């Protein structure tokens, strides 16, 4: 196991900045996920860790070794960084059998033959690939090829795992199965893992902590639970969650009051934020929807009903303000029906409309 420390890392491609002064500490044995939209810098950061890209400025420390330092002119090659990597494309040798593909990394490390064979047998068995050891990659399914790529990583037992969207080429059901397996393998190996994905479900279900990135900068680092319930800004709030969070622009009704309004709605947020102009964040499950009038509620119209197995998603409008609510699967709502909506005050997040940053009640 190894800690990873990234300090003030900057990487540019011509006039484009891929990483802008990024600093991050990853704890030994942690499963850290880099999450964000395409072009946010997450893969560039991973490749800088791997030694496949040379940053312009900053420092990277893996374990007790400085592997990159612009100040000290240090740039260790990938082979000297004590890590293993799984790529999106699997990167298997097409002319080698499953066993030989896995054995390749052990040969590079000059592993004794008896140890190599024992390791190969153990890894193949643990991944359920023993019966396929003499097949070639072209004779395997996508899931099986992914297991071979993982087996090659696990066989060499590096203290750091780097994974670049390794499940993106698999179908939805197989991705779910592989998430379970990946999490189990990582836990058993206790390796420090950095995992890149644009899939928030992968990030939220697999990670110890999530790093949300945008335009080469870190927006928030938090556990999945904290990230979902307490997004630090409107970008993170809007990016995390499916269905997405409701973000409503509101203005303070009275100078020292807790009631905020727009042309359509009036919501009491339960405390007095300093800002007069806010963006209210409410997850779909934080809306209480009733066919009968309830305290502090307002009347909305049902514009869409989307059954989704154990839950039903409904879209509601009041004037030009539209919101999404999550209700029980056996709820009975119909399009064009009038309902009453209230917001769970204790679960709301309040953001400053000027900079999108969360406003804490303690700042009041």
Protein backbone atom coordinates (compact mmCIF):
# COMPACT_ATOMS: atom_id res chain seq x y z
CA UNK A 1 0.00 0.00 0.00
CA UNK A 2 1.09 3.57 -0.61
CA UNK A 3 -0.08 7.12 -0.07
CA UNK A 4 -0.24 9.41 -3.10
CA UNK A 5 0.39 13.13 -2.74
CA UNK A 6 -0.20 15.53 -5.65
CA UNK A 7 0.87 19.13 -5.20
CA UNK A 8 0.09 22.08 -7.48
CA UNK A 9 0.04 19.96 -10.63
CA UNK A 10 -0.39 21.83 -13.92
CA UNK A 11 -0.50 20.34 -17.40
CA UNK A 12 -1.05 22.26 -20.63
CA UNK A 13 -1.49 21.18 -24.24
CA UNK A 14 -0.56 24.25 -26.22
CA UNK A 15 -2.88 27.03 -25.07
CA UNK A 16 -5.30 24.60 -23.42
CA UNK A 17 -4.94 23.92 -19.69
CA UNK A 18 -5.83 20.30 -18.88
CA UNK A 19 -4.86 20.51 -15.19
CA UNK A 20 -4.79 23.80 -13.30
CA UNK A 21 -2.80 23.76 -10.05
CA UNK A 22 -4.34 20.49 -8.82
CA UNK A 23 -3.53 19.29 -5.29
CA UNK A 24 -4.85 16.04 -3.82
CA UNK A 25 -3.92 13.53 -1.13
CA UNK A 26 -4.98 9.89 -1.55
CA UNK A 27 -4.70 7.69 1.52
CA UNK A 28 -3.06 4.28 1.52
CA UNK A 29 -5.58 1.56 0.62
CA UNK A 30 -8.20 4.08 -0.50
CA UNK A 31 -10.46 3.62 -3.53
CA UNK A 32 -10.44 7.12 -5.00
CA UNK A 33 -12.61 7.87 -8.04
CA UNK A 34 -11.94 10.77 -10.41
CA UNK A 35 -15.32 11.84 -11.79
CA UNK A 36 -16.37 14.50 -14.24
CA UNK A 37 -17.55 15.24 -17.78
CA UNK A 38 -15.41 14.67 -20.86
CA UNK A 39 -12.47 17.07 -21.01
CA UNK A 40 -12.42 17.83 -17.28
CA UNK A 41 -8.85 16.54 -16.81
CA UNK A 42 -9.47 13.27 -14.97
CA UNK A 43 -7.68 11.02 -17.49
CA UNK A 44 -4.82 13.51 -17.82
CA UNK A 45 -4.37 13.41 -14.04
CA UNK A 46 -4.32 9.60 -14.09
CA UNK A 47 -1.78 9.54 -16.93
CA UNK A 48 0.43 12.00 -15.04
CA UNK A 49 0.35 9.63 -12.06
CA UNK A 50 1.26 6.74 -14.34
CA UNK A 51 4.17 8.61 -15.91
CA UNK A 52 2.57 8.54 -19.35
CA UNK A 53 2.32 12.34 -19.39
CA UNK A 54 4.84 14.89 -18.14
CA UNK A 55 3.24 17.74 -16.16
CA UNK A 56 4.48 21.29 -16.64
CA UNK A 57 4.61 22.11 -12.94
CA UNK A 58 4.06 20.51 -9.56
CA UNK A 59 5.01 17.41 -7.63
CA UNK A 60 3.83 13.80 -7.33
CA UNK A 61 4.84 11.53 -4.46
CA UNK A 62 3.91 7.82 -4.43
CA UNK A 63 4.69 6.13 -1.14
CA UNK A 64 7.95 7.65 0.04
CA UNK A 65 9.26 8.34 -3.47
CA UNK A 66 9.07 11.60 -5.42
CA UNK A 67 8.22 10.42 -8.95
CA UNK A 68 7.77 13.89 -10.42
CA UNK A 69 9.01 17.31 -9.39
CA UNK A 70 9.29 20.28 -11.70
CA UNK A 71 11.37 22.14 -9.10
CA UNK A 72 13.93 19.31 -8.76
CA UNK A 73 13.73 18.14 -12.40
CA UNK A 74 12.55 14.62 -11.44
CA UNK A 75 10.52 12.49 -13.86
CA UNK A 76 10.51 8.77 -13.02
CA UNK A 77 9.49 6.45 -15.88
CA UNK A 78 6.32 4.34 -15.45
CA UNK A 79 8.29 1.18 -14.66
CA UNK A 80 9.83 2.78 -11.58
CA UNK A 81 6.58 3.97 -10.00
CA UNK A 82 5.37 0.73 -8.33
CA UNK A 83 1.97 0.79 -9.96
CA UNK A 84 -0.22 -1.15 -12.38
CA UNK A 85 -2.75 0.17 -14.86
CA UNK A 86 -5.91 -1.13 -16.52
CA UNK A 87 -6.93 0.68 -19.69
CA UNK A 88 -10.35 1.23 -21.22
CA UNK A 89 -9.31 -0.83 -24.27
CA UNK A 90 -7.95 -3.71 -22.07
CA UNK A 91 -4.60 -3.54 -23.99
CA UNK A 92 -4.15 -7.32 -24.27
CA UNK A 93 -1.54 -8.88 -26.54
CA UNK A 94 -3.61 -10.50 -29.34
CA UNK A 95 -0.95 -13.12 -30.15
CA UNK A 96 -0.67 -14.32 -26.53
CA UNK A 97 -2.95 -16.70 -24.67
CA UNK A 98 -4.74 -15.64 -21.51
CA UNK A 99 -2.04 -17.24 -19.37
CA UNK A 100 0.80 -15.61 -21.31
CA UNK A 101 -0.89 -12.18 -21.17
CA UNK A 102 -1.06 -12.41 -17.38
CA UNK A 103 2.44 -13.88 -17.14
CA UNK A 104 3.92 -11.00 -19.15
CA UNK A 105 4.02 -8.63 -16.18
CA UNK A 106 5.61 -11.26 -13.96
CA UNK A 107 8.30 -11.91 -16.58
CA UNK A 108 9.10 -8.20 -16.75
CA UNK A 109 9.64 -8.29 -12.98
CA UNK A 110 11.92 -11.37 -13.36
CA UNK A 111 9.68 -13.40 -11.06
CA UNK A 112 11.04 -16.93 -10.39
CA UNK A 113 9.24 -19.54 -12.49
CA UNK A 114 7.81 -21.51 -9.55
CA UNK A 115 6.44 -18.35 -7.93
CA UNK A 116 5.12 -17.13 -11.28
CA UNK A 117 3.22 -20.37 -11.93
CA UNK A 118 1.70 -20.43 -8.44
CA UNK A 119 0.63 -16.79 -8.79
CA UNK A 120 -0.87 -17.41 -12.21
CA UNK A 121 -2.88 -20.39 -11.01
CA UNK A 122 -4.16 -18.46 -7.99
CA UNK A 123 -5.21 -15.37 -9.98
CA UNK A 124 -6.83 -17.37 -12.78
CA UNK A 125 -8.82 -19.36 -10.23
CA UNK A 126 -9.91 -16.31 -8.24
CA UNK A 127 -11.19 -14.60 -11.41
CA UNK A 128 -12.91 -17.71 -12.77
CA UNK A 129 -10.64 -17.77 -15.84
CA UNK A 130 -8.74 -21.03 -15.30
CA UNK A 131 -10.67 -22.87 -18.01
CA UNK A 132 -9.87 -20.11 -20.51
CA UNK A 133 -6.11 -19.89 -19.87
CA UNK A 134 -5.16 -21.26 -23.29
CA UNK A 135 -7.54 -19.08 -25.29
CA UNK A 136 -6.59 -15.91 -27.17
CA UNK A 137 -8.21 -12.51 -26.51
CA UNK A 138 -10.21 -12.71 -29.76
CA UNK A 139 -11.87 -15.86 -28.40
CA UNK A 140 -13.14 -14.12 -25.25
CA UNK A 141 -16.14 -11.94 -24.47
CA UNK A 142 -15.71 -8.33 -23.32
CA UNK A 143 -16.18 -9.31 -19.70
CA UNK A 144 -13.64 -12.10 -19.97
CA UNK A 145 -11.09 -9.79 -21.60
CA UNK A 146 -11.62 -7.34 -18.77
CA UNK A 147 -10.92 -10.11 -16.24
CA UNK A 148 -7.67 -10.90 -18.02
CA UNK A 149 -6.62 -7.25 -17.84
CA UNK A 150 -7.45 -7.26 -14.12
CA UNK A 151 -5.64 -10.55 -13.60
CA UNK A 152 -2.50 -9.13 -15.20
CA UNK A 153 -2.68 -6.24 -12.73
CA UNK A 154 -3.38 -8.43 -9.70
CA UNK A 155 -0.65 -10.94 -10.53
CA UNK A 156 2.13 -8.37 -10.13
CA UNK A 157 0.62 -7.09 -6.82
CA UNK A 158 1.55 -3.42 -7.21
CA UNK A 159 0.77 -1.18 -4.23
CA UNK A 160 -1.09 1.24 -6.53
CA UNK A 161 -3.86 0.41 -9.04
CA UNK A 162 -4.70 2.92 -11.78
CA UNK A 163 -7.89 2.28 -13.79
CA UNK A 164 -9.03 4.33 -16.77
CA UNK A 165 -12.76 3.70 -17.39
CA UNK A 166 -12.19 -0.07 -17.42
CA UNK A 167 -15.89 -0.97 -17.57
CA UNK A 168 -17.12 1.47 -20.20
CA UNK A 169 -17.06 -1.12 -23.01
CA UNK A 170 -19.29 -3.58 -21.16
CA UNK A 171 -23.08 -3.82 -21.22
CA UNK A 172 -25.08 -2.51 -18.25
CA UNK A 173 -25.64 -5.83 -16.48
CA UNK A 174 -22.03 -6.94 -16.83
CA UNK A 175 -20.84 -3.55 -15.59
CA UNK A 176 -22.81 -4.08 -12.39
CA UNK A 177 -21.28 -7.53 -11.89
CA UNK A 178 -17.79 -6.22 -12.55
CA UNK A 179 -18.25 -3.33 -10.09
CA UNK A 180 -18.86 -5.88 -7.36
CA UNK A 181 -15.82 -7.91 -8.40
CA UNK A 182 -13.56 -4.88 -8.71
CA UNK A 183 -14.51 -3.62 -5.28
CA UNK A 184 -13.89 -7.06 -3.80
CA UNK A 185 -10.48 -7.41 -5.50
CA UNK A 186 -9.40 -3.98 -4.37
CA UNK A 187 -10.48 -4.65 -0.79
CA UNK A 188 -8.64 -7.98 -0.69
CA UNK A 189 -5.46 -6.54 -2.20
CA UNK A 190 -5.59 -3.38 -0.03
CA UNK A 191 -4.01 -1.51 -2.95
CA UNK A 192 -4.37 2.24 -3.24
CA UNK A 193 -6.68 2.66 -6.23
CA UNK A 194 -7.30 5.64 -8.50
CA UNK A 195 -10.24 5.02 -10.84
CA UNK A 196 -11.38 7.30 -13.67
CA UNK A 197 -14.99 7.35 -14.83
CA UNK A 198 -17.69 9.67 -16.17
CA UNK A 199 -20.35 7.31 -14.77
CA UNK A 200 -21.60 8.68 -11.46
CA UNK A 201 -23.16 5.32 -10.52
CA UNK A 202 -19.73 3.70 -10.66
CA UNK A 203 -18.26 6.55 -8.64
CA UNK A 204 -20.93 6.49 -5.94
CA UNK A 205 -21.08 2.70 -5.53
CA UNK A 206 -17.38 1.84 -5.61
CA UNK A 207 -15.39 4.66 -4.05
CA UNK A 208 -14.09 5.55 -0.63
CA UNK A 209 -14.04 9.16 -1.78
CA UNK A 210 -14.92 10.92 -5.03
CA UNK A 211 -13.02 13.75 -6.71
CA UNK A 212 -15.35 15.82 -8.91
CA UNK A 213 -13.48 17.74 -11.62
CA UNK A 214 -14.37 20.50 -14.07
CA UNK A 215 -12.12 22.34 -16.54
CA UNK A 216 -8.94 20.89 -15.03
CA UNK A 217 -9.81 21.87 -11.47
CA UNK A 218 -11.11 19.96 -8.46
CA UNK A 219 -14.59 21.06 -7.43
CA UNK A 220 -15.07 18.80 -4.40
CA UNK A 221 -13.53 15.79 -2.68
CA UNK A 222 -15.90 13.86 -0.43
CA UNK A 223 -17.36 10.49 0.46
CA UNK A 224 -20.25 9.40 -1.80
CA UNK A 225 -22.80 10.14 0.91
CA UNK A 226 -21.49 13.63 1.66
CA UNK A 227 -21.11 14.39 -2.02
CA UNK A 228 -24.76 13.56 -2.69
CA UNK A 229 -26.30 15.22 0.36
CA UNK A 230 -23.98 18.24 0.57
CA UNK A 231 -22.63 19.31 -2.85
CA UNK A 232 -20.25 22.23 -2.45
CA UNK A 233 -21.47 24.18 -5.48
CA UNK A 234 -24.18 24.14 -8.13
CA UNK A 235 -21.96 22.33 -10.66
CA UNK A 236 -21.45 19.37 -8.32
CA UNK A 237 -25.11 19.47 -7.27
CA UNK A 238 -26.27 19.35 -10.89
CA UNK A 239 -23.74 16.67 -11.90
CA UNK A 240 -24.44 14.21 -9.08
CA UNK A 241 -27.68 12.30 -8.80
CA UNK A 242 -30.12 10.61 -11.14
CA UNK A 243 -32.69 11.96 -11.58
CA UNK A 244 -30.85 15.23 -11.16
CA UNK A 245 -31.35 17.67 -8.31
CA UNK A 246 -33.88 20.50 -8.58
CA UNK A 247 -32.14 23.89 -8.75
CA UNK A 248 -34.51 26.85 -8.38
CA UNK A 249 -33.52 30.52 -8.59
CA UNK A 250 -35.16 32.53 -5.82
CA UNK A 251 -35.11 36.02 -4.30
CA UNK A 252 -35.52 36.88 -0.62
CA UNK A 253 -39.06 38.13 0.00
CA UNK A 254 -38.22 40.25 3.06
CA UNK A 255 -34.81 41.56 4.15
CA UNK A 256 -34.51 39.50 7.35
CA UNK A 257 -36.83 36.64 6.39
CA UNK A 258 -36.38 32.99 5.46
CA UNK A 259 -39.00 33.04 2.69
CA UNK A 260 -37.75 33.15 -0.92
CA UNK A 261 -39.82 33.62 -4.05
CA UNK A 262 -39.82 33.82 -7.81
CA UNK A 263 -42.74 34.59 -10.14
CA UNK A 264 -44.19 31.11 -9.55
CA UNK A 265 -43.26 29.74 -6.13
CA UNK A 266 -42.71 30.73 -2.51
CA UNK A 267 -40.49 28.57 -0.29
CA UNK A 268 -39.53 28.96 3.35
CA UNK A 269 -35.98 27.60 3.62
CA UNK A 270 -36.10 27.56 7.43
CA UNK A 271 -33.24 30.02 8.12
CA UNK A 272 -31.97 33.37 6.87
CA UNK A 273 -29.11 33.15 4.33
CA UNK A 274 -27.00 36.30 3.96
CA UNK A 275 -27.55 36.39 0.19
CA UNK A 276 -30.70 37.95 -1.21
CA UNK A 277 -30.41 35.96 -4.46
CA UNK A 278 -30.04 32.19 -4.06
CA UNK A 279 -30.27 28.90 -5.89
CA UNK A 280 -32.21 26.35 -3.88
CA UNK A 281 -31.13 22.72 -4.28
CA UNK A 282 -33.67 19.99 -3.51
CA UNK A 283 -33.25 16.33 -4.42
CA UNK A 284 -36.31 14.66 -5.96
CA UNK A 285 -36.90 12.63 -2.78
CA UNK A 286 -36.94 15.85 -0.73
CA UNK A 287 -40.24 16.94 -2.28
CA UNK A 288 -43.40 15.86 -0.47
CA UNK A 289 -46.23 15.35 -2.98
CA UNK A 290 -49.84 14.95 -1.90
CA UNK A 291 -53.25 14.95 -3.53
CA UNK A 292 -54.55 16.79 -0.48
CA UNK A 293 -53.39 20.18 0.69
CA UNK A 294 -50.63 20.00 3.31
CA UNK A 295 -49.05 22.76 5.47
CA UNK A 296 -46.81 25.23 3.59
CA UNK A 297 -47.61 23.53 0.28
CA UNK A 298 -48.36 25.01 -3.14
CA UNK A 299 -50.39 23.60 -5.98
CA UNK A 300 -48.51 22.11 -8.96
CA UNK A 301 -49.63 20.33 -12.11
CA UNK A 302 -48.35 16.85 -13.04
CA UNK A 303 -46.76 17.02 -16.51
CA UNK A 304 -45.08 13.58 -16.71
CA UNK A 305 -45.23 10.25 -14.86
CA UNK A 306 -42.26 7.87 -15.27
CA UNK A 307 -42.58 4.48 -13.53
CA UNK A 308 -39.13 3.10 -12.69
CA UNK A 309 -39.40 -0.22 -10.88
CA UNK A 310 -39.21 0.43 -7.12
CA UNK A 311 -39.99 4.14 -7.57
CA UNK A 312 -41.89 6.55 -9.79
CA UNK A 313 -40.45 9.81 -11.08
CA UNK A 314 -42.93 12.63 -11.70
CA UNK A 315 -42.41 16.02 -13.28
CA UNK A 316 -44.40 18.91 -11.80
CA UNK A 317 -44.86 22.49 -12.93
CA UNK A 318 -46.11 25.68 -11.35
CA UNK A 319 -46.08 28.49 -13.87
CA UNK A 320 -42.71 28.28 -15.60
CA UNK A 321 -41.03 26.53 -12.66
CA UNK A 322 -40.58 22.78 -13.23
CA UNK A 323 -39.40 20.26 -10.61
CA UNK A 324 -38.82 16.53 -10.42
CA UNK A 325 -40.08 14.40 -7.51
CA UNK A 326 -39.34 10.82 -6.53
CA UNK A 327 -42.32 8.96 -5.04
CA UNK A 328 -43.17 5.38 -4.07
CA UNK A 329 -43.69 2.88 -6.90
CA UNK A 330 -47.31 2.29 -5.91
CA UNK A 331 -48.19 6.00 -5.98
CA UNK A 332 -51.00 6.89 -8.36
CA UNK A 333 -50.55 10.19 -10.18
CA UNK A 334 -51.84 11.17 -13.61
CA UNK A 335 -50.74 13.75 -16.18
CA UNK A 336 -52.60 17.08 -15.81
CA UNK A 337 -53.62 16.21 -12.26
CA UNK A 338 -53.26 18.94 -9.62
CA UNK A 339 -51.20 18.06 -6.54
CA UNK A 340 -49.74 19.84 -3.53
CA UNK A 341 -45.98 20.06 -3.04
CA UNK A 342 -43.91 20.87 0.03
CA UNK A 343 -40.12 20.87 0.44
CA UNK A 344 -38.30 19.03 3.24
CA UNK A 345 -36.52 22.02 4.76
CA UNK A 346 -33.91 19.99 6.67
CA UNK A 347 -32.60 18.49 3.40
CA UNK A 348 -32.32 21.63 1.30
CA UNK A 349 -29.01 23.11 0.12
CA UNK A 350 -28.72 26.86 -0.46
CA UNK A 351 -26.26 28.35 -2.96
CA UNK A 352 -25.24 31.92 -3.68
CA UNK A 353 -26.63 32.75 -7.12
CA UNK A 354 -23.57 34.88 -8.02
CA UNK A 355 -20.81 32.28 -7.55
CA UNK A 356 -22.77 29.05 -7.11
CA UNK A 357 -21.03 28.23 -3.81
CA UNK A 358 -22.97 26.65 -0.96
CA UNK A 359 -24.09 28.91 1.91
CA UNK A 360 -23.88 27.26 5.31
CA UNK A 361 -26.38 28.07 8.06
CA UNK A 362 -23.44 28.90 10.36
CA UNK A 363 -22.63 31.85 8.08
CA UNK A 364 -25.93 33.45 8.93
